[in-house]
Amino acid sequence: MKELVEVIAKALVDHPEGVIVTETVHPKSVVLELKVDPEDMGKVIGKQGRIARAIRTVVKSAASKDDKKVIVEILQ
């Protein structure tokens, strides 16, 4: 899941070297924290959060086969 979020985020931003994804695994869930360059924050979130919601939807769909809840947090 971490690699999936990284690939999606790097494709969206102008500064792909600033993309950092950290993964924290819990027994029934996985928390992915996405950090990007401050200039690229708007590109990752999108208008009214549409791109962020789309990223979360894709990751949750990919994680459904593992029966784990995946939470994607976008940090500043």
PDB file of N, CA and C in Angstrom:
ATOM      1  N   MET A   1       0.806  -1.189   0.000  1.00  0.00           N
ATOM      2  CA  MET A   1       0.000   0.000   0.000  1.00  0.00           C
ATOM      3  C   MET A   1       0.859   1.267   0.000  1.00  0.00           C
ATOM      4  N   LYS A   2       1.964   1.211   0.710  1.00  0.00           N
ATOM      5  CA  LYS A   2       2.853   2.364   0.793  1.00  0.00           C
ATOM      6  C   LYS A   2       3.358   2.761  -0.593  1.00  0.00           C
ATOM      7  N   GLU A   3       3.745   1.773  -1.373  1.00  0.00           N
ATOM      8  CA  GLU A   3       4.268   2.040  -2.710  1.00  0.00           C
ATOM      9  C   GLU A   3       3.189   2.632  -3.614  1.00  0.00           C
ATOM     10  N   LEU A   4       1.958   2.161  -3.456  1.00  0.00           N
ATOM     11  CA  LEU A   4       0.848   2.667  -4.259  1.00  0.00           C
ATOM     12  C   LEU A   4       0.623   4.153  -3.989  1.00  0.00           C
ATOM     13  N   VAL A   5       0.607   4.544  -2.741  1.00  0.00           N
ATOM     14  CA  VAL A   5       0.416   5.956  -2.394  1.00  0.00           C
ATOM     15  C   VAL A   5       1.583   6.789  -2.912  1.00  0.00           C
ATOM     16  N   GLU A   6       2.800   6.261  -2.805  1.00  0.00           N
ATOM     17  CA  GLU A   6       3.974   6.976  -3.303  1.00  0.00           C
ATOM     18  C   GLU A   6       3.890   7.230  -4.799  1.00  0.00           C
ATOM     19  N   VAL A   7       3.527   6.209  -5.557  1.00  0.00           N
ATOM     20  CA  VAL A   7       3.447   6.336  -7.016  1.00  0.00           C
ATOM     21  C   VAL A   7       2.384   7.354  -7.411  1.00  0.00           C
ATOM     22  N   ILE A   8       1.232   7.285  -6.781  1.00  0.00           N
ATOM     23  CA  ILE A   8       0.150   8.222  -7.098  1.00  0.00           C
ATOM     24  C   ILE A   8       0.566   9.651  -6.763  1.00  0.00           C
ATOM     25  N   ALA A   9       1.139   9.855  -5.573  1.00  0.00           N
ATOM     26  CA  ALA A   9       1.519  11.203  -5.142  1.00  0.00           C
ATOM     27  C   ALA A   9       2.622  11.778  -6.025  1.00  0.00           C
ATOM     28  N   LYS A  10       3.609  10.976  -6.367  1.00  0.00           N
ATOM     29  CA  LYS A  10       4.712  11.469  -7.202  1.00  0.00           C
ATOM     30  C   LYS A  10       4.233  11.853  -8.592  1.00  0.00           C
ATOM     31  N   ALA A  11       3.190  11.196  -9.079  1.00  0.00           N
ATOM     32  CA  ALA A  11       2.643  11.532 -10.392  1.00  0.00           C
ATOM     33  C   ALA A  11       1.881  12.862 -10.360  1.00  0.00           C
ATOM     34  N   LEU A  12       1.398  13.258  -9.208  1.00  0.00           N
ATOM     35  CA  LEU A  12       0.585  14.469  -9.099  1.00  0.00           C
ATOM     36  C   LEU A  12       1.388  15.742  -8.853  1.00  0.00           C
ATOM     37  N   VAL A  13       2.523  15.635  -8.184  1.00  0.00           N
ATOM     38  CA  VAL A  13       3.232  16.824  -7.694  1.00  0.00           C
ATOM     39  C   VAL A  13       4.318  17.305  -8.656  1.00  0.00           C
ATOM     40  N   ASP A  14       4.768  18.546  -8.427  1.00  0.00           N
ATOM     41  CA  ASP A  14       5.870  19.120  -9.204  1.00  0.00           C
ATOM     42  C   ASP A  14       7.231  18.749  -8.625  1.00  0.00           C
ATOM     43  N   HIS A  15       7.264  18.439  -7.315  1.00  0.00           N
ATOM     44  CA  HIS A  15       8.514  18.099  -6.629  1.00  0.00           C
ATOM     45  C   HIS A  15       8.409  16.676  -6.083  1.00  0.00           C
ATOM     46  N   PRO A  16       8.607  15.656  -6.932  1.00  0.00           N
ATOM     47  CA  PRO A  16       8.454  14.274  -6.464  1.00  0.00           C
ATOM     48  C   PRO A  16       9.469  13.861  -5.410  1.00  0.00           C
ATOM     49  N   GLU A  17      10.592  14.555  -5.327  1.00  0.00           N
ATOM     50  CA  GLU A  17      11.596  14.207  -4.314  1.00  0.00           C
ATOM     51  C   GLU A  17      11.112  14.585  -2.916  1.00  0.00           C
ATOM     52  N   GLY A  18      10.085  15.425  -2.814  1.00  0.00           N
ATOM     53  CA  GLY A  18       9.556  15.835  -1.525  1.00  0.00           C
ATOM     54  C   GLY A  18       8.462  14.934  -0.979  1.00  0.00           C
ATOM     55  N   VAL A  19       8.137  13.865  -1.708  1.00  0.00           N
ATOM     56  CA  VAL A  19       7.072  12.952  -1.276  1.00  0.00           C
ATOM     57  C   VAL A  19       7.647  11.936  -0.291  1.00  0.00           C
ATOM     58  N   ILE A  20       7.056  11.873   0.887  1.00  0.00           N
ATOM     59  CA  ILE A  20       7.471  10.916   1.914  1.00  0.00           C
ATOM     60  C   ILE A  20       6.227  10.204   2.427  1.00  0.00           C
ATOM     61  N   VAL A  21       6.253   8.876   2.397  1.00  0.00           N
ATOM     62  CA  VAL A  21       5.140   8.085   2.911  1.00  0.00           C
ATOM     63  C   VAL A  21       5.663   7.200   4.033  1.00  0.00           C
ATOM     64  N   THR A  22       5.044   7.306   5.205  1.00  0.00           N
ATOM     65  CA  THR A  22       5.409   6.449   6.326  1.00  0.00           C
ATOM     66  C   THR A  22       4.234   5.530   6.640  1.00  0.00           C
ATOM     67  N   GLU A  23       4.557   4.316   7.004  1.00  0.00           N
ATOM     68  CA  GLU A  23       3.537   3.295   7.236  1.00  0.00           C
ATOM     69  C   GLU A  23       3.619   2.810   8.677  1.00  0.00           C
ATOM     70  N   THR A  24       2.477   2.805   9.359  1.00  0.00           N
ATOM     71  CA  THR A  24       2.377   2.291  10.714  1.00  0.00           C
ATOM     72  C   THR A  24       1.364   1.157  10.700  1.00  0.00           C
ATOM     73  N   VAL A  25       1.803  -0.032  11.102  1.00  0.00           N
ATOM     74  CA  VAL A  25       0.941  -1.210  11.050  1.00  0.00           C
ATOM     75  C   VAL A  25       0.389  -1.516  12.435  1.00  0.00           C
ATOM     76  N   HIS A  26      -0.916  -1.663  12.487  1.00  0.00           N
ATOM     77  CA  HIS A  26      -1.622  -2.069  13.703  1.00  0.00           C
ATOM     78  C   HIS A  26      -2.259  -3.433  13.423  1.00  0.00           C
ATOM     79  N   PRO A  27      -2.751  -4.133  14.420  1.00  0.00           N
ATOM     80  CA  PRO A  27      -3.304  -5.473  14.187  1.00  0.00           C
ATOM     81  C   PRO A  27      -4.404  -5.542  13.113  1.00  0.00           C
ATOM     82  N   LYS A  28      -5.323  -4.596  13.118  1.00  0.00           N
ATOM     83  CA  LYS A  28      -6.419  -4.648  12.147  1.00  0.00           C
ATOM     84  C   LYS A  28      -6.404  -3.496  11.154  1.00  0.00           C
ATOM     85  N   SER A  29      -5.406  -2.626  11.229  1.00  0.00           N
ATOM     86  CA  SER A  29      -5.384  -1.474  10.335  1.00  0.00           C
ATOM     87  C   SER A  29      -3.955  -1.071   9.985  1.00  0.00           C
ATOM     88  N   VAL A  30      -3.859  -0.258   8.950  1.00  0.00           N
ATOM     89  CA  VAL A  30      -2.584   0.299   8.513  1.00  0.00           C
ATOM     90  C   VAL A  30      -2.801   1.799   8.338  1.00  0.00           C
ATOM     91  N   VAL A  31      -1.907   2.599   8.916  1.00  0.00           N
ATOM     92  CA  VAL A  31      -1.993   4.050   8.778  1.00  0.00           C
ATOM     93  C   VAL A  31      -0.854   4.502   7.873  1.00  0.00           C
ATOM     94  N   LEU A  32      -1.201   5.173   6.780  1.00  0.00           N
ATOM     95  CA  LEU A  32      -0.221   5.714   5.852  1.00  0.00           C
ATOM     96  C   LEU A  32      -0.231   7.232   5.977  1.00  0.00           C
ATOM     97  N   GLU A  33       0.921   7.813   6.275  1.00  0.00           N
ATOM     98  CA  GLU A  33       1.036   9.260   6.401  1.00  0.00           C
ATOM     99  C   GLU A  33       1.799   9.795   5.200  1.00  0.00           C
ATOM    100  N   LEU A  34       1.163  10.702   4.473  1.00  0.00           N
ATOM    101  CA  LEU A  34       1.734  11.269   3.256  1.00  0.00           C
ATOM    102  C   LEU A  34       2.168  12.700   3.527  1.00  0.00           C
ATOM    103  N   LYS A  35       3.444  12.978   3.269  1.00  0.00           N
ATOM    104  CA  LYS A  35       3.977  14.338   3.391  1.00  0.00           C
ATOM    105  C   LYS A  35       4.486  14.751   2.014  1.00  0.00           C
ATOM    106  N   VAL A  36       4.148  15.970   1.610  1.00  0.00           N
ATOM    107  CA  VAL A  36       4.614  16.505   0.337  1.00  0.00           C
ATOM    108  C   VAL A  36       5.176  17.904   0.556  1.00  0.00           C
ATOM    109  N   ASP A  37       5.835  18.417  -0.449  1.00  0.00           N
ATOM    110  CA  ASP A  37       6.355  19.776  -0.416  1.00  0.00           C
ATOM    111  C   ASP A  37       5.175  20.737  -0.203  1.00  0.00           C
ATOM    112  N   PRO A  38       5.350  21.778   0.611  1.00  0.00           N
ATOM    113  CA  PRO A  38       4.239  22.705   0.860  1.00  0.00           C
ATOM    114  C   PRO A  38       3.630  23.305  -0.413  1.00  0.00           C
ATOM    115  N   GLU A  39       4.439  23.493  -1.453  1.00  0.00           N
ATOM    116  CA  GLU A  39       3.928  24.037  -2.703  1.00  0.00           C
ATOM    117  C   GLU A  39       2.992  23.055  -3.407  1.00  0.00           C
ATOM    118  N   ASP A  40       3.147  21.769  -3.151  1.00  0.00           N
ATOM    119  CA  ASP A  40       2.358  20.745  -3.824  1.00  0.00           C
ATOM    120  C   ASP A  40       1.138  20.290  -3.028  1.00  0.00           C
ATOM    121  N   MET A  41       0.905  20.877  -1.880  1.00  0.00           N
ATOM    122  CA  MET A  41      -0.189  20.439  -1.020  1.00  0.00           C
ATOM    123  C   MET A  41      -1.537  20.541  -1.737  1.00  0.00           C
ATOM    124  N   GLY A  42      -1.761  21.618  -2.446  1.00  0.00           N
ATOM    125  CA  GLY A  42      -3.024  21.804  -3.158  1.00  0.00           C
ATOM    126  C   GLY A  42      -3.248  20.780  -4.255  1.00  0.00           C
ATOM    127  N   LYS A  43      -2.176  20.330  -4.873  1.00  0.00           N
ATOM    128  CA  LYS A  43      -2.299  19.330  -5.942  1.00  0.00           C
ATOM    129  C   LYS A  43      -2.669  17.967  -5.401  1.00  0.00           C
ATOM    130  N   VAL A  44      -2.245  17.669  -4.191  1.00  0.00           N
ATOM    131  CA  VAL A  44      -2.553  16.376  -3.585  1.00  0.00           C
ATOM    132  C   VAL A  44      -3.964  16.373  -2.993  1.00  0.00           C
ATOM    133  N   ILE A  45      -4.387  17.509  -2.471  1.00  0.00           N
ATOM    134  CA  ILE A  45      -5.718  17.585  -1.876  1.00  0.00           C
ATOM    135  C   ILE A  45      -6.783  17.818  -2.937  1.00  0.00           C
ATOM    136  N   GLY A  46      -6.537  18.721  -3.869  1.00  0.00           N
ATOM    137  CA  GLY A  46      -7.490  19.000  -4.926  1.00  0.00           C
ATOM    138  C   GLY A  46      -8.614  19.911  -4.470  1.00  0.00           C
ATOM    139  N   LYS A  47      -9.447  20.314  -5.417  1.00  0.00           N
ATOM    140  CA  LYS A  47     -10.582  21.175  -5.093  1.00  0.00           C
ATOM    141  C   LYS A  47     -11.583  20.404  -4.258  1.00  0.00           C
ATOM    142  N   GLN A  48     -11.925  20.979  -3.121  1.00  0.00           N
ATOM    143  CA  GLN A  48     -12.866  20.386  -2.172  1.00  0.00           C
ATOM    144  C   GLN A  48     -12.459  18.982  -1.735  1.00  0.00           C
ATOM    145  N   GLY A  49     -11.159  18.683  -1.802  1.00  0.00           N
ATOM    146  CA  GLY A  49     -10.655  17.399  -1.329  1.00  0.00           C
ATOM    147  C   GLY A  49     -10.922  16.229  -2.250  1.00  0.00           C
ATOM    148  N   ARG A  50     -11.221  16.500  -3.497  1.00  0.00           N
ATOM    149  CA  ARG A  50     -11.583  15.415  -4.426  1.00  0.00           C
ATOM    150  C   ARG A  50     -10.428  14.470  -4.725  1.00  0.00           C
ATOM    151  N   ILE A  51      -9.240  15.000  -4.916  1.00  0.00           N
ATOM    152  CA  ILE A  51      -8.098  14.131  -5.229  1.00  0.00           C
ATOM    153  C   ILE A  51      -7.714  13.309  -4.006  1.00  0.00           C
ATOM    154  N   ALA A  52      -7.737  13.926  -2.824  1.00  0.00           N
ATOM    155  CA  ALA A  52      -7.437  13.187  -1.596  1.00  0.00           C
ATOM    156  C   ALA A  52      -8.446  12.057  -1.405  1.00  0.00           C
ATOM    157  N   ARG A  53      -9.710  12.334  -1.665  1.00  0.00           N
ATOM    158  CA  ARG A  53     -10.748  11.310  -1.534  1.00  0.00           C
ATOM    159  C   ARG A  53     -10.525  10.189  -2.551  1.00  0.00           C
ATOM    160  N   ALA A  54     -10.101  10.546  -3.755  1.00  0.00           N
ATOM    161  CA  ALA A  54      -9.844   9.535  -4.783  1.00  0.00           C
ATOM    162  C   ALA A  54      -8.660   8.649  -4.402  1.00  0.00           C
ATOM    163  N   ILE A  55      -7.609   9.246  -3.833  1.00  0.00           N
ATOM    164  CA  ILE A  55      -6.455   8.460  -3.377  1.00  0.00           C
ATOM    165  C   ILE A  55      -6.894   7.472  -2.307  1.00  0.00           C
ATOM    166  N   ARG A  56      -7.683   7.944  -1.357  1.00  0.00           N
ATOM    167  CA  ARG A  56      -8.167   7.063  -0.290  1.00  0.00           C
ATOM    168  C   ARG A  56      -9.028   5.931  -0.842  1.00  0.00           C
ATOM    169  N   THR A  57      -9.863   6.225  -1.825  1.00  0.00           N
ATOM    170  CA  THR A  57     -10.722   5.203  -2.420  1.00  0.00           C
ATOM    171  C   THR A  57      -9.908   4.128  -3.125  1.00  0.00           C
ATOM    172  N   VAL A  58      -8.897   4.530  -3.875  1.00  0.00           N
ATOM    173  CA  VAL A  58      -8.055   3.565  -4.590  1.00  0.00           C
ATOM    174  C   VAL A  58      -7.304   2.673  -3.605  1.00  0.00           C
ATOM    175  N   VAL A  59      -6.764   3.268  -2.549  1.00  0.00           N
ATOM    176  CA  VAL A  59      -6.001   2.501  -1.563  1.00  0.00           C
ATOM    177  C   VAL A  59      -6.918   1.534  -0.815  1.00  0.00           C
ATOM    178  N   LYS A  60      -8.114   1.986  -0.439  1.00  0.00           N
ATOM    179  CA  LYS A  60      -9.049   1.102   0.256  1.00  0.00           C
ATOM    180  C   LYS A  60      -9.485  -0.052  -0.628  1.00  0.00           C
ATOM    181  N   SER A  61      -9.668   0.208  -1.910  1.00  0.00           N
ATOM    182  CA  SER A  61     -10.030  -0.867  -2.835  1.00  0.00           C
ATOM    183  C   SER A  61      -8.909  -1.888  -2.955  1.00  0.00           C
ATOM    184  N   ALA A  62      -7.675  -1.410  -3.019  1.00  0.00           N
ATOM    185  CA  ALA A  62      -6.543  -2.322  -3.125  1.00  0.00           C
ATOM    186  C   ALA A  62      -6.343  -3.109  -1.833  1.00  0.00           C
ATOM    187  N   ALA A  63      -6.725  -2.537  -0.701  1.00  0.00           N
ATOM    188  CA  ALA A  63      -6.526  -3.195   0.594  1.00  0.00           C
ATOM    189  C   ALA A  63      -7.667  -4.133   0.958  1.00  0.00           C
ATOM    190  N   SER A  64      -8.755  -4.097   0.233  1.00  0.00           N
ATOM    191  CA  SER A  64      -9.918  -4.905   0.611  1.00  0.00           C
ATOM    192  C   SER A  64      -9.633  -6.401   0.559  1.00  0.00           C
ATOM    193  N   LYS A  65      -8.710  -6.822  -0.270  1.00  0.00           N
ATOM    194  CA  LYS A  65      -8.396  -8.254  -0.345  1.00  0.00           C
ATOM    195  C   LYS A  65      -7.612  -8.744   0.880  1.00  0.00           C
ATOM    196  N   ASP A  66      -6.989  -7.830   1.629  1.00  0.00           N
ATOM    197  CA  ASP A  66      -6.213  -8.200   2.819  1.00  0.00           C
ATOM    198  C   ASP A  66      -7.023  -8.127   4.108  1.00  0.00           C
ATOM    199  N   ASP A  67      -8.277  -7.705   4.021  1.00  0.00           N
ATOM    200  CA  ASP A  67      -9.152  -7.553   5.189  1.00  0.00           C
ATOM    201  C   ASP A  67      -8.540  -6.646   6.257  1.00  0.00           C
ATOM    202  N   LYS A  68      -7.869  -5.590   5.820  1.00  0.00           N
ATOM    203  CA  LYS A  68      -7.314  -4.603   6.743  1.00  0.00           C
ATOM    204  C   LYS A  68      -7.869  -3.239   6.378  1.00  0.00           C
ATOM    205  N   LYS A  69      -8.085  -2.425   7.388  1.00  0.00           N
ATOM    206  CA  LYS A  69      -8.528  -1.070   7.163  1.00  0.00           C
ATOM    207  C   LYS A  69      -7.305  -0.192   6.922  1.00  0.00           C
ATOM    208  N   VAL A  70      -7.325   0.580   5.851  1.00  0.00           N
ATOM    209  CA  VAL A  70      -6.207   1.445   5.523  1.00  0.00           C
ATOM    210  C   VAL A  70      -6.653   2.894   5.666  1.00  0.00           C
ATOM    211  N   ILE A  71      -5.894   3.646   6.438  1.00  0.00           N
ATOM    212  CA  ILE A  71      -6.175   5.065   6.663  1.00  0.00           C
ATOM    213  C   ILE A  71      -5.062   5.872   6.036  1.00  0.00           C
ATOM    214  N   VAL A  72      -5.413   6.789   5.151  1.00  0.00           N
ATOM    215  CA  VAL A  72      -4.426   7.662   4.498  1.00  0.00           C
ATOM    216  C   VAL A  72      -4.579   9.061   5.094  1.00  0.00           C
ATOM    217  N   GLU A  73      -3.520   9.542   5.713  1.00  0.00           N
ATOM    218  CA  GLU A  73      -3.505  10.875   6.302  1.00  0.00           C
ATOM    219  C   GLU A  73      -2.525  11.744   5.513  1.00  0.00           C
ATOM    220  N   ILE A  74      -2.968  12.932   5.166  1.00  0.00           N
ATOM    221  CA  ILE A  74      -2.102  13.869   4.452  1.00  0.00           C
ATOM    222  C   ILE A  74      -1.645  14.915   5.467  1.00  0.00           C
ATOM    223  N   LEU A  75      -0.341  14.946   5.715  1.00  0.00           N
ATOM    224  CA  LEU A  75       0.237  15.843   6.733  1.00  0.00           C
ATOM    225  C   LEU A  75       0.867  17.064   6.085  1.00  0.00           C
ATOM    226  N   GLN A  76       0.881  18.148   6.842  1.00  0.00           N
ATOM    227  CA  GLN A  76       1.503  19.375   6.336  1.00  0.00           C
ATOM    228  C   GLN A  76       2.951  19.442   6.728  1.00  0.00           C
TER     229      GLN A  76
END
